Protein backbone atom coordinates (compact mmCIF):
# COMPACT_ATOMS: atom_id res chain seq x y z
CA MET A 1 -0.25 -47.52 -193.48
CA THR A 2 0.09 -43.78 -192.44
CA THR A 3 -0.11 -42.97 -188.68
CA PRO A 4 -2.67 -40.19 -188.04
CA ALA A 5 -1.09 -36.99 -186.74
CA ARG A 6 -1.55 -36.22 -182.99
CA PRO A 7 -4.09 -33.54 -182.59
CA ARG A 8 -2.79 -30.18 -181.58
CA THR A 9 -3.14 -30.28 -177.77
CA GLY A 10 -2.74 -27.30 -175.35
CA ALA A 11 -2.87 -26.89 -171.54
CA PHE A 12 -4.28 -24.14 -169.47
CA LEU A 13 -1.85 -22.55 -167.04
CA TYR A 14 -1.53 -19.49 -164.76
CA PRO A 15 1.65 -17.37 -164.70
CA TRP A 16 2.27 -18.05 -161.08
CA ASP A 17 2.47 -21.81 -162.03
CA VAL A 18 5.64 -21.03 -164.03
CA ASP A 19 7.08 -17.73 -162.68
CA GLY A 20 9.64 -18.52 -160.03
CA ASP A 21 9.75 -22.36 -160.91
CA PRO A 22 12.63 -23.13 -163.32
CA ALA A 23 11.45 -26.86 -163.63
CA ALA A 24 7.95 -25.98 -164.74
CA PRO A 25 8.59 -25.44 -168.53
CA ALA A 26 10.40 -28.73 -169.10
CA LEU A 27 7.82 -30.58 -167.11
CA LEU A 28 5.00 -29.17 -169.36
CA ALA A 29 6.85 -29.79 -172.47
CA GLY A 30 7.41 -33.32 -171.40
CA LEU A 31 3.64 -34.00 -171.18
CA GLY A 32 3.41 -34.08 -175.04
CA VAL A 33 1.48 -30.75 -175.35
CA ARG A 34 2.30 -28.26 -178.07
CA GLN A 35 0.68 -25.17 -176.66
CA VAL A 36 0.16 -23.42 -173.40
CA THR A 37 -2.89 -21.17 -172.90
CA LEU A 38 -1.56 -18.70 -170.29
CA ALA A 39 -3.88 -16.58 -168.25
CA ALA A 40 -3.29 -12.87 -169.12
CA ALA A 41 -6.54 -11.46 -167.47
CA TYR A 42 -8.28 -13.51 -164.93
CA HIS A 43 -10.95 -13.29 -162.27
CA SER A 44 -10.35 -13.61 -158.50
CA THR A 45 -9.59 -17.12 -157.43
CA ARG A 46 -7.92 -19.33 -154.84
CA ALA A 47 -5.69 -21.81 -156.45
CA LEU A 48 -3.40 -24.71 -155.60
CA SER A 49 0.21 -24.67 -157.17
CA PRO A 50 1.28 -28.16 -155.99
CA ARG A 51 4.78 -28.15 -157.49
CA HIS A 52 6.07 -24.68 -157.08
CA PRO A 53 9.16 -24.33 -154.93
CA GLY A 54 8.01 -21.22 -153.06
CA ARG A 55 4.33 -21.48 -152.57
CA ARG A 56 1.39 -23.89 -152.48
CA VAL A 57 -1.82 -21.68 -152.38
CA VAL A 58 -2.26 -18.62 -154.48
CA THR A 59 -5.05 -16.14 -153.51
CA ALA A 60 -5.83 -13.80 -156.39
CA GLU A 61 -8.10 -11.29 -154.41
CA HIS A 62 -9.72 -9.61 -157.42
CA ALA A 63 -10.00 -9.73 -161.22
CA ALA A 64 -6.87 -8.39 -162.80
CA VAL A 65 -4.53 -8.27 -165.72
CA LEU A 66 -1.35 -10.26 -165.03
CA TYR A 67 0.87 -7.81 -166.76
CA PRO A 68 1.42 -3.96 -166.49
CA PRO A 69 -1.74 -2.34 -168.11
CA ASP A 70 -1.08 0.43 -170.61
CA PRO A 71 -1.64 3.77 -168.67
CA GLY A 72 -2.27 5.54 -172.02
CA ARG A 73 -5.13 3.19 -172.75
CA TRP A 74 -6.92 3.58 -169.32
CA ALA A 75 -5.96 6.98 -168.06
CA GLY A 76 -8.99 9.10 -167.14
CA ARG A 77 -11.63 6.51 -167.53
CA ARG A 78 -14.11 5.65 -164.90
CA LEU A 79 -13.92 1.96 -165.73
CA ALA A 80 -10.28 0.72 -166.21
CA GLN A 81 -8.40 -2.52 -165.63
CA TYR A 82 -6.92 -3.65 -162.24
CA PRO A 83 -3.32 -4.65 -161.89
CA ALA A 84 -2.69 -7.72 -160.02
CA GLY A 85 -1.31 -7.85 -156.58
CA ASP A 86 1.62 -9.92 -155.12
CA TRP A 87 0.18 -13.05 -156.84
CA ALA A 88 1.48 -11.86 -160.19
CA PRO A 89 3.85 -8.99 -159.62
CA GLY A 90 5.22 -6.85 -162.56
CA ASP A 91 4.92 -8.53 -165.87
CA ALA A 92 4.40 -12.05 -164.67
CA TRP A 93 2.84 -13.04 -167.92
CA ALA A 94 5.75 -12.02 -169.87
CA ARG A 95 8.22 -13.95 -167.68
CA ALA A 96 6.30 -16.98 -167.78
CA ALA A 97 5.65 -16.79 -171.53
CA GLU A 98 9.39 -16.42 -172.14
CA ALA A 99 10.19 -19.39 -170.04
CA LEU A 100 7.63 -21.68 -171.91
CA ASP A 101 8.85 -20.32 -175.24
CA GLY A 102 12.26 -21.51 -174.17
CA ALA A 103 11.04 -25.01 -173.65
CA GLY A 104 9.64 -25.01 -177.27
CA LEU A 105 5.85 -24.53 -176.43
CA ASP A 106 3.60 -22.06 -178.33
CA VAL A 107 2.08 -19.53 -175.97
CA HIS A 108 -1.43 -18.24 -176.36
CA SER A 109 -3.05 -15.71 -174.01
CA TRP A 110 -6.09 -16.67 -172.01
CA VAL A 111 -8.48 -13.56 -171.53
CA VAL A 112 -11.50 -13.66 -169.21
CA LEU A 113 -13.80 -10.80 -170.20
CA ALA A 114 -17.34 -10.43 -168.68
CA HIS A 115 -16.59 -11.59 -165.15
CA ASN A 116 -15.28 -9.21 -162.63
CA SER A 117 -16.42 -9.02 -158.95
CA ARG A 118 -14.37 -5.95 -158.20
CA LEU A 119 -15.81 -4.05 -161.05
CA GLY A 120 -19.27 -4.71 -159.83
CA ALA A 121 -18.47 -3.91 -156.23
CA GLU A 122 -16.80 -0.59 -157.07
CA HIS A 123 -19.41 0.31 -159.73
CA PRO A 124 -22.68 -1.21 -158.98
CA ASP A 125 -24.34 0.26 -162.13
CA THR A 126 -22.17 -2.05 -164.29
CA SER A 127 -23.74 -5.28 -163.03
CA VAL A 128 -26.50 -7.53 -164.42
CA VAL A 129 -29.81 -6.91 -162.47
CA ASN A 130 -32.25 -9.86 -162.15
CA ALA A 131 -36.05 -9.56 -162.23
CA HIS A 132 -36.17 -9.34 -158.47
CA GLY A 133 -33.82 -6.31 -158.47
CA ASP A 134 -30.76 -8.20 -157.10
CA ARG A 135 -27.43 -7.19 -158.57
CA TYR A 136 -24.87 -9.70 -159.65
CA PRO A 137 -21.47 -7.93 -159.06
CA TRP A 138 -19.53 -10.84 -160.66
CA ALA A 139 -21.38 -10.29 -163.88
CA PRO A 140 -20.80 -7.10 -165.93
CA CYS A 141 -23.71 -6.35 -168.17
CA ILE A 142 -22.43 -6.33 -171.82
CA ALA A 143 -25.21 -4.04 -172.86
CA HIS A 144 -23.82 -1.20 -170.64
CA PRO A 145 -21.85 1.08 -173.17
CA GLU A 146 -18.95 1.61 -170.81
CA VAL A 147 -18.65 -1.92 -169.88
CA ARG A 148 -18.54 -2.90 -173.65
CA ALA A 149 -15.92 -0.40 -174.23
CA LEU A 150 -13.93 -1.54 -171.13
CA LEU A 151 -14.09 -5.23 -172.24
CA VAL A 152 -13.32 -4.63 -175.93
CA ASP A 153 -10.18 -2.70 -174.99
CA LEU A 154 -9.33 -5.34 -172.53
CA ALA A 155 -9.70 -7.97 -175.31
CA ALA A 156 -7.22 -6.01 -177.45
CA GLU A 157 -4.69 -5.34 -174.83
CA ALA A 158 -4.65 -8.62 -172.98
CA ALA A 159 -4.82 -10.99 -176.01
CA VAL A 160 -1.96 -9.45 -177.90
CA ARG A 161 0.81 -9.73 -175.36
CA PRO A 162 4.28 -9.88 -176.64
CA GLY A 163 5.22 -13.42 -177.38
CA ALA A 164 1.69 -14.67 -177.86
CA ALA A 165 0.78 -16.53 -181.13
CA GLY A 166 -2.87 -16.39 -180.42
CA THR A 167 -5.64 -15.99 -177.74
CA GLU A 168 -8.53 -17.71 -176.20
CA LEU A 169 -11.36 -15.37 -175.05
CA GLU A 170 -13.51 -16.69 -172.22
CA SER A 171 -16.74 -15.14 -171.07
CA CYS A 172 -16.99 -13.34 -174.24
CA GLY A 173 -20.75 -12.73 -173.77
CA TRP A 174 -23.41 -12.91 -171.14
CA TYR A 175 -22.65 -13.85 -167.58
CA GLY A 176 -25.53 -14.29 -165.16
CA TYR A 177 -26.88 -16.11 -162.04
CA ALA A 178 -24.32 -19.33 -162.04
CA HIS A 179 -21.19 -18.38 -160.18
CA LEU A 180 -19.14 -20.02 -157.50
CA HIS A 181 -18.94 -17.42 -154.74
CA ALA A 182 -17.24 -17.17 -151.35
CA HIS A 183 -19.02 -19.63 -148.91
CA ASP A 184 -21.90 -20.11 -151.48
CA LYS A 185 -25.17 -20.96 -149.88
CA THR A 186 -27.20 -21.28 -153.15
CA GLY A 187 -27.98 -24.91 -153.20
CA GLY A 188 -31.07 -25.02 -151.14
CA VAL A 189 -33.29 -24.83 -154.11
CA PRO A 190 -32.39 -27.03 -157.09
CA LEU A 191 -32.20 -24.98 -160.19
CA GLY A 192 -32.54 -26.22 -163.82
CA GLU A 193 -31.00 -24.76 -166.89
CA ARG A 194 -34.08 -22.69 -167.56
CA ASP A 195 -34.42 -21.37 -164.10
CA ARG A 196 -30.78 -20.21 -164.22
CA LEU A 197 -31.53 -18.52 -167.61
CA LEU A 198 -34.52 -16.62 -166.12
CA LEU A 199 -32.37 -15.54 -163.20
CA SER A 200 -29.84 -14.37 -165.57
CA LEU A 201 -32.12 -12.12 -167.57
CA CYS A 202 -30.88 -8.51 -166.93
CA PHE A 203 -33.11 -5.49 -166.03
CA CYS A 204 -30.51 -2.80 -165.61
CA PRO A 205 -31.52 0.46 -167.42
CA HIS A 206 -29.69 -0.43 -170.62
CA CYS A 207 -31.38 -3.86 -170.95
CA ARG A 208 -34.85 -2.43 -170.05
CA GLN A 209 -34.28 0.11 -172.81
CA GLY A 210 -33.27 -2.53 -175.16
CA TYR A 211 -36.30 -4.74 -174.41
CA ALA A 212 -38.43 -1.65 -175.08
CA ASP A 213 -36.70 -0.84 -178.16
CA GLY A 214 -37.44 -4.43 -179.46
CA GLY A 215 -41.09 -4.07 -178.85
CA GLY A 216 -41.06 -5.67 -175.44
CA ASP A 217 -42.77 -4.55 -172.25
CA GLN A 218 -39.87 -4.66 -169.73
CA ALA A 219 -42.13 -4.11 -166.71
CA ALA A 220 -44.39 -6.94 -167.77
CA LEU A 221 -41.53 -9.00 -168.55
CA ALA A 222 -39.90 -8.62 -165.16
CA ALA A 223 -43.26 -9.43 -163.47
CA ALA A 224 -43.76 -12.52 -165.58
CA VAL A 225 -40.26 -13.72 -164.68
CA ARG A 226 -40.98 -13.35 -160.92
CA ALA A 227 -44.30 -15.13 -161.43
CA VAL A 228 -43.02 -18.06 -163.37
CA LEU A 229 -40.26 -18.64 -160.82
CA ALA A 230 -42.56 -18.76 -158.03
CA PRO A 231 -43.13 -22.50 -158.23
CA VAL A 232 -39.28 -23.02 -158.25
CA TRP A 233 -38.95 -21.16 -154.83
CA ALA A 234 -42.04 -23.11 -153.51
CA GLY A 235 -40.36 -26.32 -154.58
CA THR A 236 -43.67 -27.30 -156.44
CA GLY A 237 -42.55 -27.36 -160.02
CA PRO A 238 -40.28 -26.01 -162.63
CA ALA A 239 -40.53 -22.47 -163.94
CA GLY A 240 -43.40 -21.80 -166.32
CA ASP A 241 -43.60 -20.07 -169.68
CA LEU A 242 -43.30 -16.41 -170.36
CA GLY A 243 -45.47 -16.57 -173.35
CA ALA A 244 -45.31 -13.76 -175.92
CA LEU A 245 -42.89 -11.83 -173.73
CA GLU A 246 -40.08 -14.26 -174.17
CA ALA A 247 -39.19 -14.01 -177.75
CA PRO A 248 -38.23 -10.20 -177.86
CA ALA A 249 -36.37 -10.49 -174.66
CA LEU A 250 -34.21 -13.53 -175.94
CA ALA A 251 -33.71 -11.72 -179.27
CA TRP A 252 -32.40 -8.68 -177.63
CA ARG A 253 -29.87 -10.78 -175.63
CA ALA A 254 -28.77 -12.75 -178.69
CA ARG A 255 -28.22 -9.58 -180.71
CA THR A 256 -26.17 -7.95 -177.84
CA ALA A 257 -24.05 -11.02 -177.30
CA ARG A 258 -23.33 -11.24 -181.05
CA SER A 259 -22.40 -7.59 -181.50
CA PHE A 260 -20.18 -7.74 -178.38
CA GLN A 261 -18.46 -10.82 -179.73
CA GLU A 262 -17.93 -9.16 -183.11
CA ALA A 263 -16.51 -6.02 -181.47
CA ALA A 264 -14.12 -7.98 -179.19
CA VAL A 265 -12.82 -10.34 -182.05
CA GLY A 266 -12.52 -7.28 -184.24
CA ALA A 267 -10.51 -5.32 -181.71
CA VAL A 268 -8.09 -8.23 -181.16
CA ARG A 269 -7.80 -8.74 -184.99
CA ALA A 270 -6.89 -5.12 -185.57
CA ALA A 271 -4.20 -5.14 -182.88
CA ALA A 272 -2.69 -8.57 -183.70
CA PRO A 273 0.00 -9.53 -186.17
CA PRO A 274 -0.85 -11.69 -189.18
CA GLY A 275 -1.41 -15.37 -188.48
CA PHE A 276 -2.49 -14.56 -184.78
CA ARG A 277 -5.30 -17.12 -183.92
CA ILE A 278 -8.47 -16.09 -182.18
CA LEU A 279 -10.56 -18.74 -180.37
CA LEU A 280 -13.68 -18.14 -178.20
CA HIS A 281 -14.86 -20.32 -175.35
CA ALA A 282 -18.23 -20.85 -176.59
CA ASP A 283 -21.67 -22.82 -176.35
CA PRO A 284 -23.93 -23.41 -179.26
CA ASP A 285 -26.93 -22.40 -177.25
CA PRO A 286 -27.30 -18.73 -177.96
CA TYR A 287 -28.82 -17.83 -174.57
CA ARG A 288 -26.33 -19.73 -172.34
CA CYS A 289 -24.52 -17.55 -169.86
CA GLY A 290 -21.13 -18.07 -168.22
CA ALA A 291 -17.53 -18.85 -169.23
CA ASP A 292 -18.57 -20.64 -172.37
CA ALA A 293 -20.83 -17.82 -173.54
CA GLY A 294 -23.84 -18.50 -175.80
CA THR A 295 -23.16 -18.06 -179.50
CA ASP A 296 -24.76 -18.66 -182.97
CA PRO A 297 -22.35 -21.35 -184.24
CA ALA A 298 -22.24 -20.33 -187.81
CA HIS A 299 -21.85 -16.74 -186.95
CA VAL A 300 -18.99 -17.16 -184.36
CA LEU A 301 -17.00 -19.36 -186.77
CA GLY A 302 -17.24 -16.94 -189.40
CA ARG A 303 -15.56 -14.31 -187.22
CA ALA A 304 -13.13 -16.15 -185.04
CA ASP A 305 -10.52 -18.87 -186.03
CA GLY A 306 -12.21 -21.39 -183.85
CA LEU A 307 -13.67 -22.14 -180.42
CA VAL A 308 -13.08 -24.07 -177.28
CA ALA A 309 -16.05 -25.96 -175.93
CA ARG A 310 -17.13 -28.84 -173.68
CA PRO A 311 -16.91 -32.18 -175.58
CA ASP A 312 -20.63 -32.79 -175.15
CA ARG A 313 -21.44 -29.49 -176.87
CA LEU A 314 -19.09 -29.83 -179.90
CA ALA A 315 -21.62 -31.59 -182.19
CA ALA A 316 -23.59 -28.43 -182.90
CA PHE A 317 -20.44 -26.64 -183.94
CA ALA A 318 -19.05 -29.49 -185.81
CA ASP A 319 -22.10 -29.42 -188.18
CA THR A 320 -21.08 -26.05 -189.77
CA PRO A 321 -17.38 -25.25 -189.47
CA PRO A 322 -15.63 -23.37 -192.24
CA SER A 323 -12.57 -24.97 -193.61
CA GLY A 324 -9.52 -24.55 -191.17
CA ALA A 325 -11.62 -23.64 -188.25
CA ALA A 326 -10.24 -24.93 -184.91
CA LEU A 327 -12.83 -26.89 -182.74
CA ALA A 328 -10.98 -27.50 -179.45
CA ALA A 329 -12.50 -29.93 -176.96
CA ASN A 330 -11.96 -28.82 -173.27
CA LEU A 331 -11.13 -31.75 -171.20
CA SER A 332 -10.72 -31.74 -167.52
CA VAL A 333 -7.70 -33.63 -166.24
CA VAL A 334 -7.74 -32.66 -162.41
CA GLY A 335 -8.86 -35.69 -160.51
CA GLY A 336 -9.74 -33.66 -157.36
CA MET A 337 -12.02 -31.48 -159.42
CA GLY A 338 -13.92 -34.40 -161.08
CA GLY A 339 -11.44 -34.63 -164.02
CA ALA A 340 -10.59 -37.95 -165.45
CA ALA A 341 -6.87 -38.00 -166.52
CA GLY A 342 -6.83 -41.67 -166.25
CA ARG A 343 -9.38 -41.92 -169.11
CA LEU A 344 -7.87 -39.12 -171.15
CA ALA A 345 -7.11 -41.21 -174.14
CA GLU A 346 -10.64 -42.62 -174.25
CA VAL A 347 -12.42 -39.19 -173.75
CA ALA A 348 -10.03 -37.55 -176.29
CA ARG A 349 -10.75 -40.20 -178.94
CA ARG A 350 -14.53 -39.74 -178.42
CA ALA A 351 -14.15 -35.99 -178.74
CA LEU A 352 -12.22 -36.30 -181.95
CA ALA A 353 -14.77 -38.67 -183.37
CA ASP A 354 -17.42 -35.99 -182.48
CA GLY A 355 -15.61 -33.32 -184.67
CA ALA A 356 -12.95 -31.93 -182.37
CA THR A 357 -9.90 -30.96 -184.20
CA GLU A 358 -7.77 -30.03 -181.11
CA LEU A 359 -7.66 -30.64 -177.45
CA ARG A 360 -7.31 -28.47 -174.38
CA LEU A 361 -6.45 -29.86 -171.04
CA TYR A 362 -7.89 -28.00 -167.93
CA HIS A 363 -5.59 -27.53 -166.02
CA ALA A 364 -1.91 -28.30 -165.96
CA GLY A 365 -1.11 -26.02 -163.03
CA LEU A 366 -3.82 -27.44 -160.79
CA ALA A 367 -3.24 -31.11 -161.54
CA SER A 368 -1.36 -33.42 -159.27
CA ASP A 369 1.76 -35.36 -160.22
CA ALA A 370 -0.30 -38.39 -160.61
CA ASP A 371 -2.67 -36.59 -162.95
CA LEU A 372 0.09 -35.38 -165.06
CA ALA A 373 1.69 -38.82 -165.31
CA ALA A 374 -1.66 -40.09 -166.60
CA VAL A 375 -1.82 -37.21 -169.17
CA ARG A 376 1.64 -37.96 -170.39
CA THR A 377 0.81 -41.67 -170.92
CA ALA A 378 -2.60 -40.79 -172.57
CA LEU A 379 -1.04 -38.26 -175.03
CA SER A 380 1.71 -40.75 -176.08
CA ALA A 381 -1.02 -43.13 -176.98
CA LEU A 382 -3.02 -40.82 -179.14
């Protein structure tokens, strides 16, 4: 009887989890993972680094590239990439990647695109604007031509770092209302998935023009969104229906996301060597906003080499994958963040049965020693 091959398994990691910690690469290799998806462009965060010999809490104050950006690419542009501060000095990505490669691990870049609070704070015109006129500085509008150019160039530069065998593009589409912000106070009114979508519809000048070009009435649409959300704010019921105004608005957003994803993947493909793998963090609902951006399953799997998705969202992708496409289930293993390292073997088997061909573990740098011990046991059992 032939023993099934262990699925290709990777773990997410920040450069600061490895840079300056000589023990980290061997520890990660000993887990049983084959790949590390190493952040090359990342949003602001406060993160624990529980095993690093020199630190425990890392504060990344703003979205940044974690390597020296190419001055020739960004010189003279109003919108440009921000270098990291002391949380990732110099070429932290390259130092971490070299150490991981030395331990026999494949290194892929992890690139966050449409999520950048500093960009929105310094250039308010770049942000998504909701139907009430509120700007979301963390959410660059992918319909804005300068934003698209910035993010497509970021994809090409940050993905194809020396030593990377592939990349995973996160937030490659619309971002919107949902966001963990400093001292968030947004839980007073429960919001359903449709409520969050309505709050994420953008009414910046570029999107208003896009709605109009598609035959929609942008002023009537904004008024309708405000009206159907009124019961949500009052606590008397869910959001109502937008009627005939909804279809052209959603069609505009789907076309915009689709063309942005094509451009980002195309830019990476043009910059990358042969055999470089491009995966998108994705959701099969074309209107979903966030890190796992909404996509058309058949379309995205015809452009990228695969995708990374929550295990409960895999089935829609698994119905239509081309031959050789990677479907990676994103599994949380950090107990303090709701992950289930102790049940990883069970959860992984279920994901593989639902169509996953690979596994991703979020997040080896944030996990406790006990979580990592459970990961090691689970992977040896697969």
